[in-house]
Amino acid sequence: YNGAIKAVNVTTKAVSTVASGLSIPEYVKEDNGLLYWTEAGSHKVRAMSLSSRVIFTLSGNGGVGYVNGSTAVTQWHNPKGFDFRGGQMYVADTMNDVIRTISF
């Protein structure tokens, strides 16, 4: 609950902060230079370019609820785990008891 994603160099065991100022980031995965995670505290699904370190929201306007649509209107209630299949991101919307998709 420190609001950060950290990296551990497996060779040197050095720890570094990759992103901070987040609200309960969980379930982090990297794919093609992007780091993806669910952010349960802000009710958003987010990503960051590893080269530029720019963080952006893939889905969720920060409101609690169950609304589909564009990033500006979508609402989640505690998004948690996710995976990628066939050009879609499948996300567990925990408190709404559903699995939802984000299309790329």
PDB file of N, CA and C in Angstrom:
ATOM      1  N   TYR A   1       0.811  -1.207   0.000  1.00  0.00           N
ATOM      2  CA  TYR A   1       0.000   0.000   0.000  1.00  0.00           C
ATOM      3  C   TYR A   1       0.854   1.271   0.000  1.00  0.00           C
ATOM      4  N   ASN A   2       2.033   1.213  -0.615  1.00  0.00           N
ATOM      5  CA  ASN A   2       2.859   2.420  -0.690  1.00  0.00           C
ATOM      6  C   ASN A   2       2.638   3.197  -1.985  1.00  0.00           C
ATOM      7  N   GLY A   3       1.692   2.755  -2.819  1.00  0.00           N
ATOM      8  CA  GLY A   3       1.341   3.492  -4.032  1.00  0.00           C
ATOM      9  C   GLY A   3       2.403   3.484  -5.106  1.00  0.00           C
ATOM     10  N   ALA A   4       3.221   2.431  -5.141  1.00  0.00           N
ATOM     11  CA  ALA A   4       4.321   2.395  -6.104  1.00  0.00           C
ATOM     12  C   ALA A   4       4.437   1.012  -6.737  1.00  0.00           C
ATOM     13  N   ILE A   5       5.029   1.006  -7.929  1.00  0.00           N
ATOM     14  CA  ILE A   5       5.453  -0.232  -8.571  1.00  0.00           C
ATOM     15  C   ILE A   5       6.972  -0.193  -8.580  1.00  0.00           C
ATOM     16  N   LYS A   6       7.584  -1.249  -8.091  1.00  0.00           N
ATOM     17  CA  LYS A   6       9.034  -1.297  -8.004  1.00  0.00           C
ATOM     18  C   LYS A   6       9.575  -2.444  -8.842  1.00  0.00           C
ATOM     19  N   ALA A   7      10.806  -2.294  -9.273  1.00  0.00           N
ATOM     20  CA  ALA A   7      11.493  -3.327 -10.046  1.00  0.00           C
ATOM     21  C   ALA A   7      12.664  -3.843  -9.239  1.00  0.00           C
ATOM     22  N   VAL A   8      12.925  -5.134  -9.351  1.00  0.00           N
ATOM     23  CA  VAL A   8      14.071  -5.743  -8.693  1.00  0.00           C
ATOM     24  C   VAL A   8      14.977  -6.319  -9.772  1.00  0.00           C
ATOM     25  N   ASN A   9      16.216  -5.879  -9.797  1.00  0.00           N
ATOM     26  CA  ASN A   9      17.204  -6.441 -10.703  1.00  0.00           C
ATOM     27  C   ASN A   9      17.597  -7.808 -10.139  1.00  0.00           C
ATOM     28  N   VAL A  10      17.280  -8.867 -10.862  1.00  0.00           N
ATOM     29  CA  VAL A  10      17.505 -10.215 -10.330  1.00  0.00           C
ATOM     30  C   VAL A  10      18.985 -10.561 -10.191  1.00  0.00           C
ATOM     31  N   THR A  11      19.843  -9.864 -10.910  1.00  0.00           N
ATOM     32  CA  THR A  11      21.276 -10.119 -10.809  1.00  0.00           C
ATOM     33  C   THR A  11      21.881  -9.416  -9.600  1.00  0.00           C
ATOM     34  N   THR A  12      21.615  -8.104  -9.494  1.00  0.00           N
ATOM     35  CA  THR A  12      22.233  -7.323  -8.421  1.00  0.00           C
ATOM     36  C   THR A  12      21.364  -7.211  -7.174  1.00  0.00           C
ATOM     37  N   LYS A  13      20.110  -7.563  -7.291  1.00  0.00           N
ATOM     38  CA  LYS A  13      19.116  -7.452  -6.209  1.00  0.00           C
ATOM     39  C   LYS A  13      18.779  -6.000  -5.874  1.00  0.00           C
ATOM     40  N   ALA A  14      19.191  -5.063  -6.727  1.00  0.00           N
ATOM     41  CA  ALA A  14      18.881  -3.650  -6.523  1.00  0.00           C
ATOM     42  C   ALA A  14      17.400  -3.396  -6.803  1.00  0.00           C
ATOM     43  N   VAL A  15      16.784  -2.561  -5.985  1.00  0.00           N
ATOM     44  CA  VAL A  15      15.368  -2.214  -6.124  1.00  0.00           C
ATOM     45  C   VAL A  15      15.265  -0.772  -6.593  1.00  0.00           C
ATOM     46  N   SER A  16      14.369  -0.526  -7.573  1.00  0.00           N
ATOM     47  CA  SER A  16      14.143   0.837  -8.046  1.00  0.00           C
ATOM     48  C   SER A  16      12.649   1.068  -8.219  1.00  0.00           C
ATOM     49  N   THR A  17      12.228   2.304  -8.073  1.00  0.00           N
ATOM     50  CA  THR A  17      10.826   2.661  -8.249  1.00  0.00           C
ATOM     51  C   THR A  17      10.567   2.926  -9.724  1.00  0.00           C
ATOM     52  N   VAL A  18       9.561   2.253 -10.271  1.00  0.00           N
ATOM     53  CA  VAL A  18       9.194   2.403 -11.679  1.00  0.00           C
ATOM     54  C   VAL A  18       8.086   3.439 -11.823  1.00  0.00           C
ATOM     55  N   ALA A  19       7.105   3.407 -10.933  1.00  0.00           N
ATOM     56  CA  ALA A  19       5.988   4.356 -10.954  1.00  0.00           C
ATOM     57  C   ALA A  19       5.540   4.586  -9.522  1.00  0.00           C
ATOM     58  N   SER A  20       5.137   5.813  -9.215  1.00  0.00           N
ATOM     59  CA  SER A  20       4.674   6.109  -7.859  1.00  0.00           C
ATOM     60  C   SER A  20       3.468   7.039  -7.913  1.00  0.00           C
ATOM     61  N   GLY A  21       2.887   7.278  -6.759  1.00  0.00           N
ATOM     62  CA  GLY A  21       1.699   8.125  -6.674  1.00  0.00           C
ATOM     63  C   GLY A  21       0.449   7.395  -7.142  1.00  0.00           C
ATOM     64  N   LEU A  22       0.471   6.069  -7.094  1.00  0.00           N
ATOM     65  CA  LEU A  22      -0.644   5.253  -7.564  1.00  0.00           C
ATOM     66  C   LEU A  22      -1.550   4.884  -6.387  1.00  0.00           C
ATOM     67  N   SER A  23      -2.710   4.332  -6.699  1.00  0.00           N
ATOM     68  CA  SER A  23      -3.675   3.978  -5.662  1.00  0.00           C
ATOM     69  C   SER A  23      -3.970   2.472  -5.706  1.00  0.00           C
ATOM     70  N   ILE A  24      -3.211   1.736  -4.945  1.00  0.00           N
ATOM     71  CA  ILE A  24      -3.298   0.283  -4.838  1.00  0.00           C
ATOM     72  C   ILE A  24      -3.117  -0.398  -6.205  1.00  0.00           C
ATOM     73  N   PRO A  25      -1.918  -0.252  -6.800  1.00  0.00           N
ATOM     74  CA  PRO A  25      -1.647  -0.963  -8.058  1.00  0.00           C
ATOM     75  C   PRO A  25      -1.454  -2.452  -7.793  1.00  0.00           C
ATOM     76  N   GLU A  26      -2.009  -3.285  -8.683  1.00  0.00           N
ATOM     77  CA  GLU A  26      -1.925  -4.736  -8.518  1.00  0.00           C
ATOM     78  C   GLU A  26      -1.785  -5.400  -9.882  1.00  0.00           C
ATOM     79  N   TYR A  27      -1.357  -6.654  -9.883  1.00  0.00           N
ATOM     80  CA  TYR A  27      -1.357  -7.509 -11.075  1.00  0.00           C
ATOM     81  C   TYR A  27      -0.630  -6.858 -12.257  1.00  0.00           C
ATOM     82  N   VAL A  28       0.640  -6.654 -12.097  1.00  0.00           N
ATOM     83  CA  VAL A  28       1.466  -5.956 -13.085  1.00  0.00           C
ATOM     84  C   VAL A  28       1.996  -6.947 -14.130  1.00  0.00           C
ATOM     85  N   LYS A  29       1.901  -6.558 -15.419  1.00  0.00           N
ATOM     86  CA  LYS A  29       2.460  -7.347 -16.522  1.00  0.00           C
ATOM     87  C   LYS A  29       3.086  -6.409 -17.541  1.00  0.00           C
ATOM     88  N   GLU A  30       4.155  -6.889 -18.186  1.00  0.00           N
ATOM     89  CA  GLU A  30       4.798  -6.138 -19.262  1.00  0.00           C
ATOM     90  C   GLU A  30       4.487  -6.823 -20.582  1.00  0.00           C
ATOM     91  N   ASP A  31       4.246  -6.021 -21.617  1.00  0.00           N
ATOM     92  CA  ASP A  31       4.026  -6.553 -22.957  1.00  0.00           C
ATOM     93  C   ASP A  31       4.465  -5.502 -23.973  1.00  0.00           C
ATOM     94  N   ASN A  32       5.443  -5.852 -24.806  1.00  0.00           N
ATOM     95  CA  ASN A  32       5.919  -4.974 -25.879  1.00  0.00           C
ATOM     96  C   ASN A  32       6.276  -3.564 -25.414  1.00  0.00           C
ATOM     97  N   GLY A  33       6.984  -3.460 -24.319  1.00  0.00           N
ATOM     98  CA  GLY A  33       7.451  -2.153 -23.843  1.00  0.00           C
ATOM     99  C   GLY A  33       6.444  -1.363 -23.039  1.00  0.00           C
ATOM    100  N   LEU A  34       5.281  -1.947 -22.785  1.00  0.00           N
ATOM    101  CA  LEU A  34       4.283  -1.296 -21.945  1.00  0.00           C
ATOM    102  C   LEU A  34       4.090  -2.106 -20.673  1.00  0.00           C
ATOM    103  N   LEU A  35       3.969  -1.414 -19.564  1.00  0.00           N
ATOM    104  CA  LEU A  35       3.679  -2.042 -18.290  1.00  0.00           C
ATOM    105  C   LEU A  35       2.208  -1.803 -17.994  1.00  0.00           C
ATOM    106  N   TYR A  36       1.459  -2.863 -17.734  1.00  0.00           N
ATOM    107  CA  TYR A  36       0.023  -2.776 -17.478  1.00  0.00           C
ATOM    108  C   TYR A  36      -0.254  -3.151 -16.025  1.00  0.00           C
ATOM    109  N   TRP A  37      -1.277  -2.547 -15.434  1.00  0.00           N
ATOM    110  CA  TRP A  37      -1.707  -2.944 -14.096  1.00  0.00           C
ATOM    111  C   TRP A  37      -3.139  -2.505 -13.848  1.00  0.00           C
ATOM    112  N   THR A  38      -3.765  -3.158 -12.890  1.00  0.00           N
ATOM    113  CA  THR A  38      -5.060  -2.695 -12.406  1.00  0.00           C
ATOM    114  C   THR A  38      -4.780  -1.856 -11.174  1.00  0.00           C
ATOM    115  N   GLU A  39      -5.595  -0.834 -10.985  1.00  0.00           N
ATOM    116  CA  GLU A  39      -5.419   0.068  -9.858  1.00  0.00           C
ATOM    117  C   GLU A  39      -6.722   0.073  -9.058  1.00  0.00           C
ATOM    118  N   ALA A  40      -6.777  -0.826  -8.077  1.00  0.00           N
ATOM    119  CA  ALA A  40      -8.010  -1.060  -7.321  1.00  0.00           C
ATOM    120  C   ALA A  40      -8.467   0.182  -6.559  1.00  0.00           C
ATOM    121  N   GLY A  41      -7.549   0.973  -6.059  1.00  0.00           N
ATOM    122  CA  GLY A  41      -7.923   2.139  -5.264  1.00  0.00           C
ATOM    123  C   GLY A  41      -8.535   3.271  -6.066  1.00  0.00           C
ATOM    124  N   SER A  42      -8.149   3.390  -7.349  1.00  0.00           N
ATOM    125  CA  SER A  42      -8.703   4.463  -8.188  1.00  0.00           C
ATOM    126  C   SER A  42      -9.754   3.943  -9.159  1.00  0.00           C
ATOM    127  N   HIS A  43      -9.980   2.608  -9.155  1.00  0.00           N
ATOM    128  CA  HIS A  43     -10.968   1.966 -10.030  1.00  0.00           C
ATOM    129  C   HIS A  43     -10.648   2.216 -11.501  1.00  0.00           C
ATOM    130  N   LYS A  44      -9.353   2.020 -11.846  1.00  0.00           N
ATOM    131  CA  LYS A  44      -8.889   2.227 -13.213  1.00  0.00           C
ATOM    132  C   LYS A  44      -8.003   1.070 -13.662  1.00  0.00           C
ATOM    133  N   VAL A  45      -7.871   0.925 -14.978  1.00  0.00           N
ATOM    134  CA  VAL A  45      -6.903   0.022 -15.583  1.00  0.00           C
ATOM    135  C   VAL A  45      -5.896   0.934 -16.272  1.00  0.00           C
ATOM    136  N   ARG A  46      -4.612   0.772 -15.927  1.00  0.00           N
ATOM    137  CA  ARG A  46      -3.617   1.737 -16.382  1.00  0.00           C
ATOM    138  C   ARG A  46      -2.441   1.056 -17.070  1.00  0.00           C
ATOM    139  N   ALA A  47      -1.642   1.868 -17.724  1.00  0.00           N
ATOM    140  CA  ALA A  47      -0.440   1.390 -18.409  1.00  0.00           C
ATOM    141  C   ALA A  47       0.614   2.487 -18.395  1.00  0.00           C
ATOM    142  N   MET A  48       1.847   2.085 -18.682  1.00  0.00           N
ATOM    143  CA  MET A  48       2.949   3.039 -18.736  1.00  0.00           C
ATOM    144  C   MET A  48       3.934   2.589 -19.802  1.00  0.00           C
ATOM    145  N   SER A  49       4.387   3.525 -20.610  1.00  0.00           N
ATOM    146  CA  SER A  49       5.467   3.253 -21.550  1.00  0.00           C
ATOM    147  C   SER A  49       6.759   3.141 -20.750  1.00  0.00           C
ATOM    148  N   LEU A  50       7.448   2.015 -20.880  1.00  0.00           N
ATOM    149  CA  LEU A  50       8.699   1.849 -20.133  1.00  0.00           C
ATOM    150  C   LEU A  50       9.802   2.760 -20.642  1.00  0.00           C
ATOM    151  N   SER A  51       9.746   3.148 -21.905  1.00  0.00           N
ATOM    152  CA  SER A  51      10.793   4.025 -22.443  1.00  0.00           C
ATOM    153  C   SER A  51      10.603   5.478 -22.017  1.00  0.00           C
ATOM    154  N   SER A  52       9.373   5.975 -22.026  1.00  0.00           N
ATOM    155  CA  SER A  52       9.135   7.383 -21.680  1.00  0.00           C
ATOM    156  C   SER A  52       8.700   7.590 -20.238  1.00  0.00           C
ATOM    157  N   ARG A  53       8.266   6.511 -19.579  1.00  0.00           N
ATOM    158  CA  ARG A  53       7.743   6.554 -18.204  1.00  0.00           C
ATOM    159  C   ARG A  53       6.453   7.367 -18.090  1.00  0.00           C
ATOM    160  N   VAL A  54       5.734   7.511 -19.200  1.00  0.00           N
ATOM    161  CA  VAL A  54       4.446   8.209 -19.200  1.00  0.00           C
ATOM    162  C   VAL A  54       3.358   7.211 -18.827  1.00  0.00           C
ATOM    163  N   ILE A  55       2.557   7.556 -17.801  1.00  0.00           N
ATOM    164  CA  ILE A  55       1.449   6.719 -17.340  1.00  0.00           C
ATOM    165  C   ILE A  55       0.165   7.224 -17.975  1.00  0.00           C
ATOM    166  N   PHE A  56      -0.676   6.285 -18.443  1.00  0.00           N
ATOM    167  CA  PHE A  56      -1.962   6.676 -19.001  1.00  0.00           C
ATOM    168  C   PHE A  56      -3.040   5.694 -18.559  1.00  0.00           C
ATOM    169  N   THR A  57      -4.271   6.141 -18.608  1.00  0.00           N
ATOM    170  CA  THR A  57      -5.413   5.327 -18.215  1.00  0.00           C
ATOM    171  C   THR A  57      -5.989   4.644 -19.445  1.00  0.00           C
ATOM    172  N   LEU A  58      -6.112   3.323 -19.387  1.00  0.00           N
ATOM    173  CA  LEU A  58      -6.728   2.558 -20.467  1.00  0.00           C
ATOM    174  C   LEU A  58      -8.243   2.557 -20.330  1.00  0.00           C
ATOM    175  N   SER A  59      -8.717   2.488 -19.091  1.00  0.00           N
ATOM    176  CA  SER A  59     -10.151   2.405 -18.855  1.00  0.00           C
ATOM    177  C   SER A  59     -10.464   2.852 -17.436  1.00  0.00           C
ATOM    178  N   GLY A  60     -11.545   3.599 -17.307  1.00  0.00           N
ATOM    179  CA  GLY A  60     -12.015   4.014 -15.994  1.00  0.00           C
ATOM    180  C   GLY A  60     -11.873   5.501 -15.754  1.00  0.00           C
ATOM    181  N   ASN A  61     -12.971   6.102 -15.298  1.00  0.00           N
ATOM    182  CA  ASN A  61     -12.924   7.533 -14.997  1.00  0.00           C
ATOM    183  C   ASN A  61     -12.721   7.810 -13.511  1.00  0.00           C
ATOM    184  N   GLY A  62     -12.520   6.757 -12.725  1.00  0.00           N
ATOM    185  CA  GLY A  62     -12.279   6.919 -11.297  1.00  0.00           C
ATOM    186  C   GLY A  62     -13.521   6.786 -10.443  1.00  0.00           C
ATOM    187  N   GLY A  63     -14.690   6.807 -11.072  1.00  0.00           N
ATOM    188  CA  GLY A  63     -15.932   6.619 -10.331  1.00  0.00           C
ATOM    189  C   GLY A  63     -16.180   5.145 -10.076  1.00  0.00           C
ATOM    190  N   VAL A  64     -16.846   4.849  -8.980  1.00  0.00           N
ATOM    191  CA  VAL A  64     -17.188   3.468  -8.648  1.00  0.00           C
ATOM    192  C   VAL A  64     -18.515   3.123  -9.290  1.00  0.00           C
ATOM    193  N   GLY A  65     -18.555   1.993 -10.030  1.00  0.00           N
ATOM    194  CA  GLY A  65     -19.805   1.594 -10.648  1.00  0.00           C
ATOM    195  C   GLY A  65     -19.601   0.513 -11.671  1.00  0.00           C
ATOM    196  N   TYR A  66     -20.587   0.395 -12.549  1.00  0.00           N
ATOM    197  CA  TYR A  66     -20.536  -0.587 -13.626  1.00  0.00           C
ATOM    198  C   TYR A  66     -21.081   0.086 -14.877  1.00  0.00           C
ATOM    199  N   VAL A  67     -20.175   0.774 -15.594  1.00  0.00           N
ATOM    200  CA  VAL A  67     -20.547   1.491 -16.804  1.00  0.00           C
ATOM    201  C   VAL A  67     -19.524   1.141 -17.873  1.00  0.00           C
ATOM    202  N   ASN A  68     -19.996   0.677 -19.033  1.00  0.00           N
ATOM    203  CA  ASN A  68     -19.119   0.395 -20.171  1.00  0.00           C
ATOM    204  C   ASN A  68     -19.026   1.627 -21.060  1.00  0.00           C
ATOM    205  N   GLY A  69     -17.989   1.668 -21.888  1.00  0.00           N
ATOM    206  CA  GLY A  69     -17.847   2.768 -22.832  1.00  0.00           C
ATOM    207  C   GLY A  69     -16.414   3.225 -22.946  1.00  0.00           C
ATOM    208  N   SER A  70     -16.242   4.472 -23.339  1.00  0.00           N
ATOM    209  CA  SER A  70     -14.902   5.051 -23.492  1.00  0.00           C
ATOM    210  C   SER A  70     -14.264   5.256 -22.119  1.00  0.00           C
ATOM    211  N   THR A  71     -12.972   5.541 -22.138  1.00  0.00           N
ATOM    212  CA  THR A  71     -12.241   5.764 -20.889  1.00  0.00           C
ATOM    213  C   THR A  71     -12.912   6.817 -20.021  1.00  0.00           C
ATOM    214  N   ALA A  72     -13.437   7.857 -20.642  1.00  0.00           N
ATOM    215  CA  ALA A  72     -14.027   8.976 -19.890  1.00  0.00           C
ATOM    216  C   ALA A  72     -15.304   8.609 -19.153  1.00  0.00           C
ATOM    217  N   VAL A  73     -16.006   7.557 -19.598  1.00  0.00           N
ATOM    218  CA  VAL A  73     -17.272   7.206 -18.945  1.00  0.00           C
ATOM    219  C   VAL A  73     -17.233   5.866 -18.213  1.00  0.00           C
ATOM    220  N   THR A  74     -16.295   4.994 -18.556  1.00  0.00           N
ATOM    221  CA  THR A  74     -16.256   3.661 -17.957  1.00  0.00           C
ATOM    222  C   THR A  74     -16.026   3.736 -16.457  1.00  0.00           C
ATOM    223  N   GLN A  75     -16.773   2.906 -15.734  1.00  0.00           N
ATOM    224  CA  GLN A  75     -16.591   2.798 -14.291  1.00  0.00           C
ATOM    225  C   GLN A  75     -16.376   1.343 -13.904  1.00  0.00           C
ATOM    226  N   TRP A  76     -15.513   1.137 -12.946  1.00  0.00           N
ATOM    227  CA  TRP A  76     -15.172  -0.168 -12.394  1.00  0.00           C
ATOM    228  C   TRP A  76     -15.424  -0.131 -10.893  1.00  0.00           C
ATOM    229  N   HIS A  77     -15.465  -1.321 -10.307  1.00  0.00           N
ATOM    230  CA  HIS A  77     -15.524  -1.405  -8.848  1.00  0.00           C
ATOM    231  C   HIS A  77     -14.493  -2.431  -8.407  1.00  0.00           C
ATOM    232  N   ASN A  78     -13.298  -1.926  -8.166  1.00  0.00           N
ATOM    233  CA  ASN A  78     -12.176  -2.719  -7.689  1.00  0.00           C
ATOM    234  C   ASN A  78     -11.657  -3.702  -8.741  1.00  0.00           C
ATOM    235  N   PRO A  79     -11.146  -3.201  -9.890  1.00  0.00           N
ATOM    236  CA  PRO A  79     -10.567  -4.096 -10.885  1.00  0.00           C
ATOM    237  C   PRO A  79      -9.331  -4.785 -10.312  1.00  0.00           C
ATOM    238  N   LYS A  80      -9.183  -6.052 -10.618  1.00  0.00           N
ATOM    239  CA  LYS A  80      -8.040  -6.805 -10.073  1.00  0.00           C
ATOM    240  C   LYS A  80      -7.281  -7.495 -11.185  1.00  0.00           C
ATOM    241  N   GLY A  81      -7.309  -8.804 -11.287  1.00  0.00           N
ATOM    242  CA  GLY A  81      -6.487  -9.528 -12.246  1.00  0.00           C
ATOM    243  C   GLY A  81      -6.887  -9.291 -13.690  1.00  0.00           C
ATOM    244  N   PHE A  82      -5.955  -9.582 -14.615  1.00  0.00           N
ATOM    245  CA  PHE A  82      -6.227  -9.415 -16.044  1.00  0.00           C
ATOM    246  C   PHE A  82      -5.322 -10.319 -16.861  1.00  0.00           C
ATOM    247  N   ASP A  83      -5.703 -10.487 -18.136  1.00  0.00           N
ATOM    248  CA  ASP A  83      -4.873 -11.225 -19.080  1.00  0.00           C
ATOM    249  C   ASP A  83      -5.201 -10.740 -20.488  1.00  0.00           C
ATOM    250  N   PHE A  84      -4.351 -11.072 -21.445  1.00  0.00           N
ATOM    251  CA  PHE A  84      -4.535 -10.685 -22.838  1.00  0.00           C
ATOM    252  C   PHE A  84      -4.828 -11.911 -23.682  1.00  0.00           C
ATOM    253  N   ARG A  85      -5.793 -11.805 -24.604  1.00  0.00           N
ATOM    254  CA  ARG A  85      -6.097 -12.853 -25.563  1.00  0.00           C
ATOM    255  C   ARG A  85      -6.727 -12.215 -26.783  1.00  0.00           C
ATOM    256  N   GLY A  86      -6.225 -12.553 -27.967  1.00  0.00           N
ATOM    257  CA  GLY A  86      -6.850 -12.137 -29.215  1.00  0.00           C
ATOM    258  C   GLY A  86      -7.135 -10.657 -29.352  1.00  0.00           C
ATOM    259  N   GLY A  87      -6.182  -9.803 -28.975  1.00  0.00           N
ATOM    260  CA  GLY A  87      -6.361  -8.360 -29.120  1.00  0.00           C
ATOM    261  C   GLY A  87      -7.276  -7.731 -28.084  1.00  0.00           C
ATOM    262  N   GLN A  88      -7.606  -8.479 -27.047  1.00  0.00           N
ATOM    263  CA  GLN A  88      -8.456  -7.952 -25.982  1.00  0.00           C
ATOM    264  C   GLN A  88      -7.756  -8.129 -24.639  1.00  0.00           C
ATOM    265  N   MET A  89      -8.094  -7.279 -23.726  1.00  0.00           N
ATOM    266  CA  MET A  89      -7.640  -7.401 -22.348  1.00  0.00           C
ATOM    267  C   MET A  89      -8.859  -7.808 -21.525  1.00  0.00           C
ATOM    268  N   TYR A  90      -8.750  -8.908 -20.822  1.00  0.00           N
ATOM    269  CA  TYR A  90      -9.826  -9.394 -19.963  1.00  0.00           C
ATOM    270  C   TYR A  90      -9.503  -8.990 -18.535  1.00  0.00           C
ATOM    271  N   VAL A  91     -10.441  -8.295 -17.894  1.00  0.00           N
ATOM    272  CA  VAL A  91     -10.190  -7.742 -16.560  1.00  0.00           C
ATOM    273  C   VAL A  91     -11.268  -8.213 -15.593  1.00  0.00           C
ATOM    274  N   ALA A  92     -10.841  -8.699 -14.434  1.00  0.00           N
ATOM    275  CA  ALA A  92     -11.778  -9.087 -13.379  1.00  0.00           C
ATOM    276  C   ALA A  92     -12.254  -7.824 -12.661  1.00  0.00           C
ATOM    277  N   ASP A  93     -13.542  -7.546 -12.783  1.00  0.00           N
ATOM    278  CA  ASP A  93     -14.169  -6.416 -12.096  1.00  0.00           C
ATOM    279  C   ASP A  93     -14.735  -6.986 -10.791  1.00  0.00           C
ATOM    280  N   THR A  94     -13.899  -7.050  -9.784  1.00  0.00           N
ATOM    281  CA  THR A  94     -14.123  -7.857  -8.598  1.00  0.00           C
ATOM    282  C   THR A  94     -15.447  -7.611  -7.884  1.00  0.00           C
ATOM    283  N   MET A  95     -15.729  -6.387  -7.529  1.00  0.00           N
ATOM    284  CA  MET A  95     -16.926  -6.124  -6.735  1.00  0.00           C
ATOM    285  C   MET A  95     -18.211  -6.151  -7.566  1.00  0.00           C
ATOM    286  N   ASN A  96     -18.085  -6.103  -8.887  1.00  0.00           N
ATOM    287  CA  ASN A  96     -19.255  -6.262  -9.757  1.00  0.00           C
ATOM    288  C   ASN A  96     -19.455  -7.722 -10.169  1.00  0.00           C
ATOM    289  N   ASP A  97     -18.544  -8.604  -9.761  1.00  0.00           N
ATOM    290  CA  ASP A  97     -18.636 -10.041 -10.035  1.00  0.00           C
ATOM    291  C   ASP A  97     -18.728 -10.374 -11.521  1.00  0.00           C
ATOM    292  N   VAL A  98     -17.935  -9.675 -12.358  1.00  0.00           N
ATOM    293  CA  VAL A  98     -17.918  -9.938 -13.791  1.00  0.00           C
ATOM    294  C   VAL A  98     -16.496  -9.850 -14.325  1.00  0.00           C
ATOM    295  N   ILE A  99     -16.296 -10.422 -15.503  1.00  0.00           N
ATOM    296  CA  ILE A  99     -15.053 -10.234 -16.249  1.00  0.00           C
ATOM    297  C   ILE A  99     -15.416  -9.379 -17.453  1.00  0.00           C
ATOM    298  N   ARG A 100     -14.711  -8.267 -17.615  1.00  0.00           N
ATOM    299  CA  ARG A 100     -15.002  -7.321 -18.690  1.00  0.00           C
ATOM    300  C   ARG A 100     -13.808  -7.265 -19.640  1.00  0.00           C
ATOM    301  N   THR A 101     -14.029  -6.728 -20.834  1.00  0.00           N
ATOM    302  CA  THR A 101     -12.974  -6.646 -21.836  1.00  0.00           C
ATOM    303  C   THR A 101     -12.663  -5.211 -22.219  1.00  0.00           C
ATOM    304  N   ILE A 102     -11.411  -5.001 -22.579  1.00  0.00           N
ATOM    305  CA  ILE A 102     -10.946  -3.747 -23.156  1.00  0.00           C
ATOM    306  C   ILE A 102     -10.364  -4.123 -24.519  1.00  0.00           C
ATOM    307  N   SER A 103     -10.850  -3.533 -25.584  1.00  0.00           N
ATOM    308  CA  SER A 103     -10.350  -3.825 -26.928  1.00  0.00           C
ATOM    309  C   SER A 103      -9.232  -2.855 -27.288  1.00  0.00           C
ATOM    310  N   PHE A 104      -8.216  -3.387 -27.974  1.00  0.00           N
ATOM    311  CA  PHE A 104      -7.110  -2.541 -28.424  1.00  0.00           C
ATOM    312  C   PHE A 104      -7.209  -2.282 -29.902  1.00  0.00           C
TER     313      PHE A 104
END
